[in-house]
Full PDB file with SEQRES, HELIX, SHEET, SSBOND, CRYST1, ORIGX, SCALE, CONECT and MASTER records, all heavy atoms in Angstrom:
SEQRES   1 A   43  ILE LEU LYS GLY VAL ASN MET THR ASP MET ALA THR TYR          
SEQRES   2 A   43  GLY SER LEU PHE GLU ASP LEU SER ASP ASP LEU ASP LYS          
SEQRES   3 A   43  MET PRO ASN VAL LYS GLU MET PHE GLU GLN VAL PRO THR          
SEQRES   4 A   43  ALA LYS LYS ILE                                              
HELIX    1 AA1 MET A    7  TYR A   13  1                                   7    
HELIX    2 AA2 GLY A   14  LEU A   16  5                                   3    
HELIX    3 AA3 LEU A   24  LYS A   26  5                                   3    
HELIX    4 AA4 PRO A   28  GLN A   36  1                                   9    
HELIX    5 AA5 PRO A   38  LYS A   42  1                                   5    
CRYST1    1.000    1.000    1.000  90.00  90.00  90.00 P 1           1          
ORIGX1      1.000000  0.000000  0.000000        0.00000                         
ORIGX2      0.000000  1.000000  0.000000        0.00000                         
ORIGX3      0.000000  0.000000  1.000000        0.00000                         
SCALE1      1.000000  0.000000  0.000000        0.00000                         
SCALE2      0.000000  1.000000  0.000000        0.00000                         
SCALE3      0.000000  0.000000  1.000000        0.00000                         
ATOM      1  N   ILE A   1      -1.469   4.238 -10.805  1.00  0.00           N  
ATOM      2  CA  ILE A   1      -0.581   5.476 -10.871  1.00  0.00           C  
ATOM      3  C   ILE A   1       0.775   5.058 -10.193  1.00  0.00           C  
ATOM      4  O   ILE A   1       0.756   4.530  -9.122  1.00  0.00           O  
ATOM      5  CB  ILE A   1      -1.325   6.587 -10.175  1.00  0.00           C  
ATOM      6  CG1 ILE A   1      -2.500   7.051 -10.821  1.00  0.00           C  
ATOM      7  CG2 ILE A   1      -0.325   7.744 -10.044  1.00  0.00           C  
ATOM      8  CD1 ILE A   1      -3.286   8.221 -10.258  1.00  0.00           C  
ATOM      9  N   LEU A   2       1.746   5.366 -10.848  1.00  0.00           N  
ATOM     10  CA  LEU A   2       3.147   5.191 -10.267  1.00  0.00           C  
ATOM     11  C   LEU A   2       3.668   6.516  -9.878  1.00  0.00           C  
ATOM     12  O   LEU A   2       3.662   7.499 -10.608  1.00  0.00           O  
ATOM     13  CB  LEU A   2       4.029   4.578 -11.290  1.00  0.00           C  
ATOM     14  CG  LEU A   2       3.686   3.252 -12.004  1.00  0.00           C  
ATOM     15  CD1 LEU A   2       4.818   2.724 -12.818  1.00  0.00           C  
ATOM     16  CD2 LEU A   2       3.350   2.240 -10.889  1.00  0.00           C  
ATOM     17  N   LYS A   3       4.069   6.555  -8.599  1.00  0.00           N  
ATOM     18  CA  LYS A   3       4.806   7.707  -8.000  1.00  0.00           C  
ATOM     19  C   LYS A   3       3.898   8.975  -7.790  1.00  0.00           C  
ATOM     20  O   LYS A   3       4.168   9.726  -6.794  1.00  0.00           O  
ATOM     21  CB  LYS A   3       6.014   8.131  -8.872  1.00  0.00           C  
ATOM     22  CG  LYS A   3       7.013   9.149  -8.378  1.00  0.00           C  
ATOM     23  CD  LYS A   3       6.759  10.545  -8.768  1.00  0.00           C  
ATOM     24  CE  LYS A   3       7.792  11.533  -8.117  1.00  0.00           C  
ATOM     25  NZ  LYS A   3       7.494  12.886  -8.710  1.00  0.00           N  
ATOM     26  N   GLY A   4       2.914   9.202  -8.476  1.00  0.00           N  
ATOM     27  CA  GLY A   4       2.281  10.508  -8.438  1.00  0.00           C  
ATOM     28  C   GLY A   4       1.377  10.768  -7.398  1.00  0.00           C  
ATOM     29  O   GLY A   4       0.792  12.004  -7.353  1.00  0.00           O  
ATOM     30  N   VAL A   5       0.897   9.923  -6.520  1.00  0.00           N  
ATOM     31  CA  VAL A   5      -0.020  10.232  -5.342  1.00  0.00           C  
ATOM     32  C   VAL A   5       0.618   9.902  -4.040  1.00  0.00           C  
ATOM     33  O   VAL A   5       1.560   9.118  -3.873  1.00  0.00           O  
ATOM     34  CB  VAL A   5      -1.414   9.423  -5.507  1.00  0.00           C  
ATOM     35  CG1 VAL A   5      -2.136   9.859  -6.798  1.00  0.00           C  
ATOM     36  CG2 VAL A   5      -1.081   7.928  -5.585  1.00  0.00           C  
ATOM     37  N   ASN A   6       0.144  10.662  -3.098  1.00  0.00           N  
ATOM     38  CA  ASN A   6       0.937  10.545  -1.841  1.00  0.00           C  
ATOM     39  C   ASN A   6      -0.110  10.469  -0.675  1.00  0.00           C  
ATOM     40  O   ASN A   6      -1.196  10.456  -0.951  1.00  0.00           O  
ATOM     41  CB  ASN A   6       1.831  11.813  -1.625  1.00  0.00           C  
ATOM     42  CG  ASN A   6       1.094  13.141  -1.757  1.00  0.00           C  
ATOM     43  OD1 ASN A   6      -0.040  13.313  -1.158  1.00  0.00           O  
ATOM     44  ND2 ASN A   6       1.595  14.006  -2.425  1.00  0.00           N  
ATOM     45  N   MET A   7       0.352  10.336   0.504  1.00  0.00           N  
ATOM     46  CA  MET A   7      -0.585  10.164   1.685  1.00  0.00           C  
ATOM     47  C   MET A   7      -1.436  11.416   1.895  1.00  0.00           C  
ATOM     48  O   MET A   7      -2.536  11.138   2.323  1.00  0.00           O  
ATOM     49  CB  MET A   7       0.315   9.858   2.936  1.00  0.00           C  
ATOM     50  CG  MET A   7       1.156   8.604   2.750  1.00  0.00           C  
ATOM     51  SD  MET A   7       0.258   7.152   2.560  1.00  0.00           S  
ATOM     52  CE  MET A   7      -0.426   6.816   4.124  1.00  0.00           C  
ATOM     53  N   THR A   8      -1.044  12.539   1.489  1.00  0.00           N  
ATOM     54  CA  THR A   8      -1.841  13.668   1.657  1.00  0.00           C  
ATOM     55  C   THR A   8      -3.141  13.556   0.697  1.00  0.00           C  
ATOM     56  O   THR A   8      -4.130  13.920   1.153  1.00  0.00           O  
ATOM     57  CB  THR A   8      -1.004  14.968   1.318  1.00  0.00           C  
ATOM     58  OG1 THR A   8       0.153  15.094   2.169  1.00  0.00           O  
ATOM     59  CG2 THR A   8      -1.927  16.167   1.363  1.00  0.00           C  
ATOM     60  N   ASP A   9      -2.885  13.044  -0.509  1.00  0.00           N  
ATOM     61  CA  ASP A   9      -3.967  12.792  -1.419  1.00  0.00           C  
ATOM     62  C   ASP A   9      -4.936  11.803  -0.731  1.00  0.00           C  
ATOM     63  O   ASP A   9      -6.050  11.981  -0.887  1.00  0.00           O  
ATOM     64  CB  ASP A   9      -3.460  12.290  -2.672  1.00  0.00           C  
ATOM     65  CG  ASP A   9      -2.574  13.281  -3.480  1.00  0.00           C  
ATOM     66  OD1 ASP A   9      -2.833  14.454  -3.431  1.00  0.00           O  
ATOM     67  OD2 ASP A   9      -1.695  12.846  -4.181  1.00  0.00           O  
ATOM     68  N   MET A  10      -4.341  10.798  -0.198  1.00  0.00           N  
ATOM     69  CA  MET A  10      -5.299   9.720   0.327  1.00  0.00           C  
ATOM     70  C   MET A  10      -6.042  10.167   1.467  1.00  0.00           C  
ATOM     71  O   MET A  10      -7.302   9.670   1.717  1.00  0.00           O  
ATOM     72  CB  MET A  10      -4.380   8.515   0.822  1.00  0.00           C  
ATOM     73  CG  MET A  10      -3.736   7.844  -0.401  1.00  0.00           C  
ATOM     74  SD  MET A  10      -4.886   7.316  -1.699  1.00  0.00           S  
ATOM     75  CE  MET A  10      -3.765   7.015  -3.006  1.00  0.00           C  
ATOM     76  N   ALA A  11      -5.753  11.266   2.141  1.00  0.00           N  
ATOM     77  CA  ALA A  11      -6.467  11.740   3.289  1.00  0.00           C  
ATOM     78  C   ALA A  11      -7.868  12.225   2.793  1.00  0.00           C  
ATOM     79  O   ALA A  11      -8.729  12.272   3.493  1.00  0.00           O  
ATOM     80  CB  ALA A  11      -5.758  12.736   3.975  1.00  0.00           C  
ATOM     81  N   THR A  12      -7.824  12.736   1.523  1.00  0.00           N  
ATOM     82  CA  THR A  12      -9.034  13.404   1.019  1.00  0.00           C  
ATOM     83  C   THR A  12      -9.702  12.468  -0.060  1.00  0.00           C  
ATOM     84  O   THR A  12     -10.850  12.449  -0.139  1.00  0.00           O  
ATOM     85  CB  THR A  12      -8.686  14.730   0.351  1.00  0.00           C  
ATOM     86  OG1 THR A  12      -8.195  15.501   1.309  1.00  0.00           O  
ATOM     87  CG2 THR A  12      -9.935  15.348  -0.270  1.00  0.00           C  
ATOM     88  N   TYR A  13      -8.877  11.733  -0.896  1.00  0.00           N  
ATOM     89  CA  TYR A  13      -9.382  11.126  -2.144  1.00  0.00           C  
ATOM     90  C   TYR A  13      -9.095   9.468  -1.981  1.00  0.00           C  
ATOM     91  O   TYR A  13      -9.023   8.861  -2.980  1.00  0.00           O  
ATOM     92  CB  TYR A  13      -8.704  11.563  -3.331  1.00  0.00           C  
ATOM     93  CG  TYR A  13      -8.953  13.047  -3.580  1.00  0.00           C  
ATOM     94  CD1 TYR A  13      -7.917  14.060  -3.338  1.00  0.00           C  
ATOM     95  CD2 TYR A  13     -10.129  13.510  -4.070  1.00  0.00           C  
ATOM     96  CE1 TYR A  13      -8.194  15.344  -3.634  1.00  0.00           C  
ATOM     97  CE2 TYR A  13     -10.312  14.786  -4.215  1.00  0.00           C  
ATOM     98  CZ  TYR A  13      -9.407  15.736  -4.007  1.00  0.00           C  
ATOM     99  OH  TYR A  13      -9.541  17.162  -4.166  1.00  0.00           O  
ATOM    100  N   GLY A  14      -9.077   8.994  -0.731  1.00  0.00           N  
ATOM    101  CA  GLY A  14      -8.678   7.646  -0.602  1.00  0.00           C  
ATOM    102  C   GLY A  14      -9.730   6.720  -1.223  1.00  0.00           C  
ATOM    103  O   GLY A  14      -9.560   5.586  -1.603  1.00  0.00           O  
ATOM    104  N   SER A  15     -11.087   7.189  -1.137  1.00  0.00           N  
ATOM    105  CA  SER A  15     -12.159   6.358  -1.759  1.00  0.00           C  
ATOM    106  C   SER A  15     -11.994   6.040  -3.282  1.00  0.00           C  
ATOM    107  O   SER A  15     -12.583   5.093  -3.743  1.00  0.00           O  
ATOM    108  CB  SER A  15     -13.490   7.058  -1.519  1.00  0.00           C  
ATOM    109  OG  SER A  15     -13.444   8.300  -2.162  1.00  0.00           O  
ATOM    110  N   LEU A  16     -11.143   6.785  -3.985  1.00  0.00           N  
ATOM    111  CA  LEU A  16     -10.817   6.526  -5.438  1.00  0.00           C  
ATOM    112  C   LEU A  16      -9.857   5.329  -5.623  1.00  0.00           C  
ATOM    113  O   LEU A  16      -9.751   5.086  -6.785  1.00  0.00           O  
ATOM    114  CB  LEU A  16     -10.342   7.807  -6.040  1.00  0.00           C  
ATOM    115  CG  LEU A  16     -11.264   9.029  -6.078  1.00  0.00           C  
ATOM    116  CD1 LEU A  16     -10.548  10.244  -6.595  1.00  0.00           C  
ATOM    117  CD2 LEU A  16     -12.610   8.786  -6.794  1.00  0.00           C  
ATOM    118  N   PHE A  17      -9.280   5.025  -4.500  1.00  0.00           N  
ATOM    119  CA  PHE A  17      -8.205   3.948  -4.692  1.00  0.00           C  
ATOM    120  C   PHE A  17      -8.474   2.664  -3.939  1.00  0.00           C  
ATOM    121  O   PHE A  17      -9.249   2.750  -2.929  1.00  0.00           O  
ATOM    122  CB  PHE A  17      -6.891   4.532  -4.234  1.00  0.00           C  
ATOM    123  CG  PHE A  17      -6.314   5.684  -5.114  1.00  0.00           C  
ATOM    124  CD1 PHE A  17      -6.734   6.995  -4.907  1.00  0.00           C  
ATOM    125  CD2 PHE A  17      -5.719   5.464  -6.322  1.00  0.00           C  
ATOM    126  CE1 PHE A  17      -6.455   8.103  -5.598  1.00  0.00           C  
ATOM    127  CE2 PHE A  17      -5.259   6.426  -6.991  1.00  0.00           C  
ATOM    128  CZ  PHE A  17      -5.621   7.829  -6.708  1.00  0.00           C  
ATOM    129  N   GLU A  18      -8.026   1.562  -4.474  1.00  0.00           N  
ATOM    130  CA  GLU A  18      -8.237   0.345  -3.861  1.00  0.00           C  
ATOM    131  C   GLU A  18      -7.514   0.041  -2.542  1.00  0.00           C  
ATOM    132  O   GLU A  18      -6.336   0.507  -2.398  1.00  0.00           O  
ATOM    133  CB  GLU A  18      -7.691  -0.775  -4.850  1.00  0.00           C  
ATOM    134  CG  GLU A  18      -8.006  -2.237  -4.352  1.00  0.00           C  
ATOM    135  CD  GLU A  18      -9.500  -2.640  -4.519  1.00  0.00           C  
ATOM    136  OE1 GLU A  18     -10.140  -2.042  -5.365  1.00  0.00           O  
ATOM    137  OE2 GLU A  18      -9.917  -3.418  -3.838  1.00  0.00           O  
ATOM    138  N   ASP A  19      -8.132  -0.324  -1.457  1.00  0.00           N  
ATOM    139  CA  ASP A  19      -7.493  -0.720  -0.288  1.00  0.00           C  
ATOM    140  C   ASP A  19      -6.789  -2.046  -0.542  1.00  0.00           C  
ATOM    141  O   ASP A  19      -7.407  -3.082  -0.693  1.00  0.00           O  
ATOM    142  CB  ASP A  19      -8.471  -0.789   0.833  1.00  0.00           C  
ATOM    143  CG  ASP A  19      -7.937  -1.377   2.181  1.00  0.00           C  
ATOM    144  OD1 ASP A  19      -6.646  -1.352   2.240  1.00  0.00           O  
ATOM    145  OD2 ASP A  19      -8.700  -1.720   2.988  1.00  0.00           O  
ATOM    146  N   LEU A  20      -5.516  -1.962  -0.432  1.00  0.00           N  
ATOM    147  CA  LEU A  20      -4.726  -3.288  -0.732  1.00  0.00           C  
ATOM    148  C   LEU A  20      -4.341  -4.077   0.446  1.00  0.00           C  
ATOM    149  O   LEU A  20      -3.721  -5.130   0.385  1.00  0.00           O  
ATOM    150  CB  LEU A  20      -3.306  -2.781  -1.438  1.00  0.00           C  
ATOM    151  CG  LEU A  20      -3.623  -1.982  -2.761  1.00  0.00           C  
ATOM    152  CD1 LEU A  20      -2.284  -1.560  -3.231  1.00  0.00           C  
ATOM    153  CD2 LEU A  20      -4.214  -2.866  -3.781  1.00  0.00           C  
ATOM    154  N   SER A  21      -4.830  -3.723   1.662  1.00  0.00           N  
ATOM    155  CA  SER A  21      -4.549  -4.395   2.868  1.00  0.00           C  
ATOM    156  C   SER A  21      -5.045  -5.855   2.833  1.00  0.00           C  
ATOM    157  O   SER A  21      -4.395  -6.728   3.437  1.00  0.00           O  
ATOM    158  CB  SER A  21      -4.980  -3.736   4.035  1.00  0.00           C  
ATOM    159  OG  SER A  21      -6.474  -3.578   4.087  1.00  0.00           O  
ATOM    160  N   ASP A  22      -6.116  -6.161   2.177  1.00  0.00           N  
ATOM    161  CA  ASP A  22      -6.747  -7.487   2.108  1.00  0.00           C  
ATOM    162  C   ASP A  22      -6.326  -8.118   0.716  1.00  0.00           C  
ATOM    163  O   ASP A  22      -6.899  -9.155   0.373  1.00  0.00           O  
ATOM    164  CB  ASP A  22      -8.183  -7.509   2.336  1.00  0.00           C  
ATOM    165  CG  ASP A  22      -8.863  -6.464   1.411  1.00  0.00           C  
ATOM    166  OD1 ASP A  22      -8.180  -5.869   0.527  1.00  0.00           O  
ATOM    167  OD2 ASP A  22     -10.195  -6.469   1.462  1.00  0.00           O  
ATOM    168  N   ASP A  23      -5.390  -7.665  -0.043  1.00  0.00           N  
ATOM    169  CA  ASP A  23      -4.866  -8.306  -1.356  1.00  0.00           C  
ATOM    170  C   ASP A  23      -3.535  -8.731  -1.147  1.00  0.00           C  
ATOM    171  O   ASP A  23      -2.999  -9.076  -2.315  1.00  0.00           O  
ATOM    172  CB  ASP A  23      -5.100  -7.263  -2.362  1.00  0.00           C  
ATOM    173  CG  ASP A  23      -6.594  -6.792  -2.614  1.00  0.00           C  
ATOM    174  OD1 ASP A  23      -7.389  -7.704  -2.737  1.00  0.00           O  
ATOM    175  OD2 ASP A  23      -6.841  -5.622  -2.746  1.00  0.00           O  
ATOM    176  N   LEU A  24      -2.970  -8.781  -0.067  1.00  0.00           N  
ATOM    177  CA  LEU A  24      -1.513  -9.192   0.042  1.00  0.00           C  
ATOM    178  C   LEU A  24      -1.208 -10.573  -0.493  1.00  0.00           C  
ATOM    179  O   LEU A  24      -0.222 -10.975  -0.944  1.00  0.00           O  
ATOM    180  CB  LEU A  24      -0.971  -8.875   1.275  1.00  0.00           C  
ATOM    181  CG  LEU A  24      -1.013  -7.420   1.889  1.00  0.00           C  
ATOM    182  CD1 LEU A  24      -0.484  -7.404   3.305  1.00  0.00           C  
ATOM    183  CD2 LEU A  24      -0.344  -6.595   1.031  1.00  0.00           C  
ATOM    184  N   ASP A  25      -2.275 -11.516  -0.201  1.00  0.00           N  
ATOM    185  CA  ASP A  25      -1.977 -12.929  -0.692  1.00  0.00           C  
ATOM    186  C   ASP A  25      -1.928 -13.094  -2.192  1.00  0.00           C  
ATOM    187  O   ASP A  25      -1.289 -13.931  -2.723  1.00  0.00           O  
ATOM    188  CB  ASP A  25      -3.213 -13.796  -0.160  1.00  0.00           C  
ATOM    189  CG  ASP A  25      -3.035 -14.016   1.429  1.00  0.00           C  
ATOM    190  OD1 ASP A  25      -1.940 -13.848   1.831  1.00  0.00           O  
ATOM    191  OD2 ASP A  25      -4.027 -14.394   1.868  1.00  0.00           O  
ATOM    192  N   LYS A  26      -2.374 -12.046  -2.966  1.00  0.00           N  
ATOM    193  CA  LYS A  26      -2.389 -12.067  -4.291  1.00  0.00           C  
ATOM    194  C   LYS A  26      -1.201 -11.245  -4.856  1.00  0.00           C  
ATOM    195  O   LYS A  26      -0.871 -11.156  -5.974  1.00  0.00           O  
ATOM    196  CB  LYS A  26      -3.556 -11.361  -4.869  1.00  0.00           C  
ATOM    197  CG  LYS A  26      -4.842 -12.227  -4.671  1.00  0.00           C  
ATOM    198  CD  LYS A  26      -6.057 -11.561  -5.149  1.00  0.00           C  
ATOM    199  CE  LYS A  26      -7.387 -12.474  -4.851  1.00  0.00           C  
ATOM    200  NZ  LYS A  26      -8.529 -11.792  -5.501  1.00  0.00           N  
ATOM    201  N   MET A  27      -0.312 -10.672  -3.915  1.00  0.00           N  
ATOM    202  CA  MET A  27       0.810 -10.014  -4.235  1.00  0.00           C  
ATOM    203  C   MET A  27       1.991 -10.539  -3.327  1.00  0.00           C  
ATOM    204  O   MET A  27       2.394  -9.955  -2.327  1.00  0.00           O  
ATOM    205  CB  MET A  27       0.698  -8.506  -3.917  1.00  0.00           C  
ATOM    206  CG  MET A  27      -0.295  -7.853  -4.861  1.00  0.00           C  
ATOM    207  SD  MET A  27      -0.411  -6.034  -4.612  1.00  0.00           S  
ATOM    208  CE  MET A  27      -1.066  -5.931  -2.953  1.00  0.00           C  
ATOM    209  N   PRO A  28       2.341 -11.742  -3.525  1.00  0.00           N  
ATOM    210  CA  PRO A  28       3.333 -12.464  -2.611  1.00  0.00           C  
ATOM    211  C   PRO A  28       4.668 -11.628  -2.458  1.00  0.00           C  
ATOM    212  O   PRO A  28       5.302 -11.668  -1.447  1.00  0.00           O  
ATOM    213  CB  PRO A  28       3.630 -13.714  -3.246  1.00  0.00           C  
ATOM    214  CG  PRO A  28       3.156 -13.668  -4.640  1.00  0.00           C  
ATOM    215  CD  PRO A  28       1.980 -12.739  -4.690  1.00  0.00           C  
ATOM    216  N   ASN A  29       5.118 -10.950  -3.566  1.00  0.00           N  
ATOM    217  CA  ASN A  29       6.405 -10.212  -3.330  1.00  0.00           C  
ATOM    218  C   ASN A  29       6.138  -9.049  -2.370  1.00  0.00           C  
ATOM    219  O   ASN A  29       7.015  -8.895  -1.545  1.00  0.00           O  
ATOM    220  CB  ASN A  29       6.823  -9.689  -4.709  1.00  0.00           C  
ATOM    221  CG  ASN A  29       7.364 -10.687  -5.652  1.00  0.00           C  
ATOM    222  OD1 ASN A  29       8.109 -11.722  -5.216  1.00  0.00           O  
ATOM    223  ND2 ASN A  29       7.284 -10.485  -6.814  1.00  0.00           N  
ATOM    224  N   VAL A  30       4.992  -8.428  -2.407  1.00  0.00           N  
ATOM    225  CA  VAL A  30       4.724  -7.292  -1.401  1.00  0.00           C  
ATOM    226  C   VAL A  30       4.548  -7.822  -0.061  1.00  0.00           C  
ATOM    227  O   VAL A  30       5.072  -7.256   0.858  1.00  0.00           O  
ATOM    228  CB  VAL A  30       3.410  -6.643  -1.916  1.00  0.00           C  
ATOM    229  CG1 VAL A  30       3.037  -5.513  -0.913  1.00  0.00           C  
ATOM    230  CG2 VAL A  30       3.546  -6.040  -3.355  1.00  0.00           C  
ATOM    231  N   LYS A  31       3.831  -8.913  -0.053  1.00  0.00           N  
ATOM    232  CA  LYS A  31       3.501  -9.573   1.369  1.00  0.00           C  
ATOM    233  C   LYS A  31       4.969  -9.882   2.039  1.00  0.00           C  
ATOM    234  O   LYS A  31       5.220  -9.701   3.169  1.00  0.00           O  
ATOM    235  CB  LYS A  31       2.730 -10.858   1.266  1.00  0.00           C  
ATOM    236  CG  LYS A  31       2.395 -11.455   2.518  1.00  0.00           C  
ATOM    237  CD  LYS A  31       1.434 -12.593   2.321  1.00  0.00           C  
ATOM    238  CE  LYS A  31       1.042 -13.240   3.734  1.00  0.00           C  
ATOM    239  NZ  LYS A  31       0.015 -14.402   3.470  1.00  0.00           N  
ATOM    240  N   GLU A  32       5.769 -10.498   1.182  1.00  0.00           N  
ATOM    241  CA  GLU A  32       7.233 -10.888   1.690  1.00  0.00           C  
ATOM    242  C   GLU A  32       7.968  -9.613   2.117  1.00  0.00           C  
ATOM    243  O   GLU A  32       8.733  -9.582   3.246  1.00  0.00           O  
ATOM    244  CB  GLU A  32       7.941 -11.678   0.648  1.00  0.00           C  
ATOM    245  CG  GLU A  32       9.264 -12.236   1.280  1.00  0.00           C  
ATOM    246  CD  GLU A  32      10.083 -12.844   0.150  1.00  0.00           C  
ATOM    247  OE1 GLU A  32       9.629 -13.016  -0.918  1.00  0.00           O  
ATOM    248  OE2 GLU A  32      11.171 -13.298   0.464  1.00  0.00           O  
ATOM    249  N   MET A  33       7.828  -8.647   1.296  1.00  0.00           N  
ATOM    250  CA  MET A  33       8.481  -7.317   1.650  1.00  0.00           C  
ATOM    251  C   MET A  33       8.112  -6.665   3.029  1.00  0.00           C  
ATOM    252  O   MET A  33       8.786  -6.354   3.800  1.00  0.00           O  
ATOM    253  CB  MET A  33       8.196  -6.247   0.567  1.00  0.00           C  
ATOM    254  CG  MET A  33       8.864  -4.878   0.824  1.00  0.00           C  
ATOM    255  SD  MET A  33       8.676  -3.658  -0.384  1.00  0.00           S  
ATOM    256  CE  MET A  33       6.866  -3.485  -0.457  1.00  0.00           C  
ATOM    257  N   PHE A  34       6.712  -6.714   3.220  1.00  0.00           N  
ATOM    258  CA  PHE A  34       6.199  -6.226   4.495  1.00  0.00           C  
ATOM    259  C   PHE A  34       6.571  -7.156   5.612  1.00  0.00           C  
ATOM    260  O   PHE A  34       6.836  -6.616   6.828  1.00  0.00           O  
ATOM    261  CB  PHE A  34       4.680  -6.326   4.363  1.00  0.00           C  
ATOM    262  CG  PHE A  34       4.106  -5.099   3.658  1.00  0.00           C  
ATOM    263  CD1 PHE A  34       2.851  -5.015   3.176  1.00  0.00           C  
ATOM    264  CD2 PHE A  34       4.872  -3.967   3.227  1.00  0.00           C  
ATOM    265  CE1 PHE A  34       2.328  -3.990   2.496  1.00  0.00           C  
ATOM    266  CE2 PHE A  34       4.443  -2.963   2.447  1.00  0.00           C  
ATOM    267  CZ  PHE A  34       3.083  -2.923   2.104  1.00  0.00           C  
ATOM    268  N   GLU A  35       6.782  -8.405   5.490  1.00  0.00           N  
ATOM    269  CA  GLU A  35       7.234  -9.435   6.560  1.00  0.00           C  
ATOM    270  C   GLU A  35       8.695  -9.190   6.849  1.00  0.00           C  
ATOM    271  O   GLU A  35       8.996  -9.188   7.961  1.00  0.00           O  
ATOM    272  CB  GLU A  35       6.936 -10.800   6.202  1.00  0.00           C  
ATOM    273  CG  GLU A  35       5.482 -11.203   6.060  1.00  0.00           C  
ATOM    274  CD  GLU A  35       5.218 -12.525   5.513  1.00  0.00           C  
ATOM    275  OE1 GLU A  35       6.174 -13.103   4.954  1.00  0.00           O  
ATOM    276  OE2 GLU A  35       4.088 -13.071   5.686  1.00  0.00           O  
ATOM    277  N   GLN A  36       9.393  -8.975   5.892  1.00  0.00           N  
ATOM    278  CA  GLN A  36      10.994  -8.832   6.077  1.00  0.00           C  
ATOM    279  C   GLN A  36      11.284  -7.384   6.387  1.00  0.00           C  
ATOM    280  O   GLN A  36      12.368  -7.117   7.107  1.00  0.00           O  
ATOM    281  CB  GLN A  36      11.688  -9.232   4.846  1.00  0.00           C  
ATOM    282  CG  GLN A  36      11.624 -10.768   4.556  1.00  0.00           C  
ATOM    283  CD  GLN A  36      12.619 -11.124   3.455  1.00  0.00           C  
ATOM    284  OE1 GLN A  36      13.620 -10.532   3.364  1.00  0.00           O  
ATOM    285  NE2 GLN A  36      12.459 -12.267   2.824  1.00  0.00           N  
ATOM    286  N   VAL A  37      10.527  -6.401   6.022  1.00  0.00           N  
ATOM    287  CA  VAL A  37      10.813  -5.010   6.234  1.00  0.00           C  
ATOM    288  C   VAL A  37       9.616  -4.395   6.851  1.00  0.00           C  
ATOM    289  O   VAL A  37       8.936  -3.697   6.225  1.00  0.00           O  
ATOM    290  CB  VAL A  37      11.226  -4.196   4.996  1.00  0.00           C  
ATOM    291  CG1 VAL A  37      11.834  -2.810   5.357  1.00  0.00           C  
ATOM    292  CG2 VAL A  37      12.286  -5.028   4.118  1.00  0.00           C  
ATOM    293  N   PRO A  38       9.424  -4.478   8.198  1.00  0.00           N  
ATOM    294  CA  PRO A  38       8.231  -4.029   8.710  1.00  0.00           C  
ATOM    295  C   PRO A  38       7.984  -2.393   8.568  1.00  0.00           C  
ATOM    296  O   PRO A  38       6.707  -2.029   8.498  1.00  0.00           O  
ATOM    297  CB  PRO A  38       8.382  -4.294  10.296  1.00  0.00           C  
ATOM    298  CG  PRO A  38       9.223  -5.446  10.237  1.00  0.00           C  
ATOM    299  CD  PRO A  38      10.206  -5.307   9.096  1.00  0.00           C  
ATOM    300  N   THR A  39       9.092  -1.795   8.530  1.00  0.00           N  
ATOM    301  CA  THR A  39       8.969  -0.336   8.246  1.00  0.00           C  
ATOM    302  C   THR A  39       8.270  -0.020   6.922  1.00  0.00           C  
ATOM    303  O   THR A  39       7.410   1.027   6.798  1.00  0.00           O  
ATOM    304  CB  THR A  39      10.340   0.429   8.372  1.00  0.00           C  
ATOM    305  OG1 THR A  39      10.952   0.134   9.530  1.00  0.00           O  
ATOM    306  CG2 THR A  39      10.254   1.869   8.224  1.00  0.00           C  
ATOM    307  N   ALA A  40       8.534  -0.829   6.045  1.00  0.00           N  
ATOM    308  CA  ALA A  40       7.904  -0.524   4.692  1.00  0.00           C  
ATOM    309  C   ALA A  40       6.398  -0.550   4.798  1.00  0.00           C  
ATOM    310  O   ALA A  40       5.568   0.160   4.146  1.00  0.00           O  
ATOM    311  CB  ALA A  40       8.250  -1.607   3.618  1.00  0.00           C  
ATOM    312  N   LYS A  41       5.784  -1.548   5.676  1.00  0.00           N  
ATOM    313  CA  LYS A  41       4.414  -1.560   5.728  1.00  0.00           C  
ATOM    314  C   LYS A  41       3.914  -0.412   6.767  1.00  0.00           C  
ATOM    315  O   LYS A  41       2.819   0.164   6.442  1.00  0.00           O  
ATOM    316  CB  LYS A  41       3.943  -2.925   6.460  1.00  0.00           C  
ATOM    317  CG  LYS A  41       2.496  -3.113   6.584  1.00  0.00           C  
ATOM    318  CD  LYS A  41       2.095  -4.534   7.072  1.00  0.00           C  
ATOM    319  CE  LYS A  41       0.641  -4.745   7.123  1.00  0.00           C  
ATOM    320  NZ  LYS A  41       0.255  -6.019   7.725  1.00  0.00           N  
ATOM    321  N   LYS A  42       4.730  -0.114   7.674  1.00  0.00           N  
ATOM    322  CA  LYS A  42       4.225   0.958   8.713  1.00  0.00           C  
ATOM    323  C   LYS A  42       4.116   2.244   8.052  1.00  0.00           C  
ATOM    324  O   LYS A  42       3.246   3.001   8.340  1.00  0.00           O  
ATOM    325  CB  LYS A  42       5.395   1.060   9.776  1.00  0.00           C  
ATOM    326  CG  LYS A  42       5.197   2.098  10.815  1.00  0.00           C  
ATOM    327  CD  LYS A  42       6.298   2.028  11.903  1.00  0.00           C  
ATOM    328  CE  LYS A  42       6.069   3.025  12.879  1.00  0.00           C  
ATOM    329  NZ  LYS A  42       7.047   2.997  13.988  1.00  0.00           N  
ATOM    330  N   ILE A  43       4.954   2.670   7.054  1.00  0.00           N  
ATOM    331  CA  ILE A  43       4.890   4.043   6.450  1.00  0.00           C  
ATOM    332  C   ILE A  43       3.690   4.148   5.534  1.00  0.00           C  
ATOM    333  O   ILE A  43       3.351   5.248   5.168  1.00  0.00           O  
ATOM    334  CB  ILE A  43       6.187   4.314   5.809  1.00  0.00           C  
ATOM    335  CG1 ILE A  43       6.515   3.306   4.610  1.00  0.00           C  
ATOM    336  CG2 ILE A  43       7.264   4.243   6.684  1.00  0.00           C  
ATOM    337  CD1 ILE A  43       7.629   3.844   3.796  1.00  0.00           C  
TER     338      ILE A  43                                                      
MASTER        0    0    0    5    0    0    0    6  337    1    0    4          
END                                                                             
């Protein structure tokens, strides 16, 4: 889903979605973004 779900949704329906915290090595662009822009990961 692009754009349509938010952190409020995840508080209740998080189990429907993949936890991506352990998939960063398979998303090198995302991993680099989090390293260069820590706020992006924090939010």
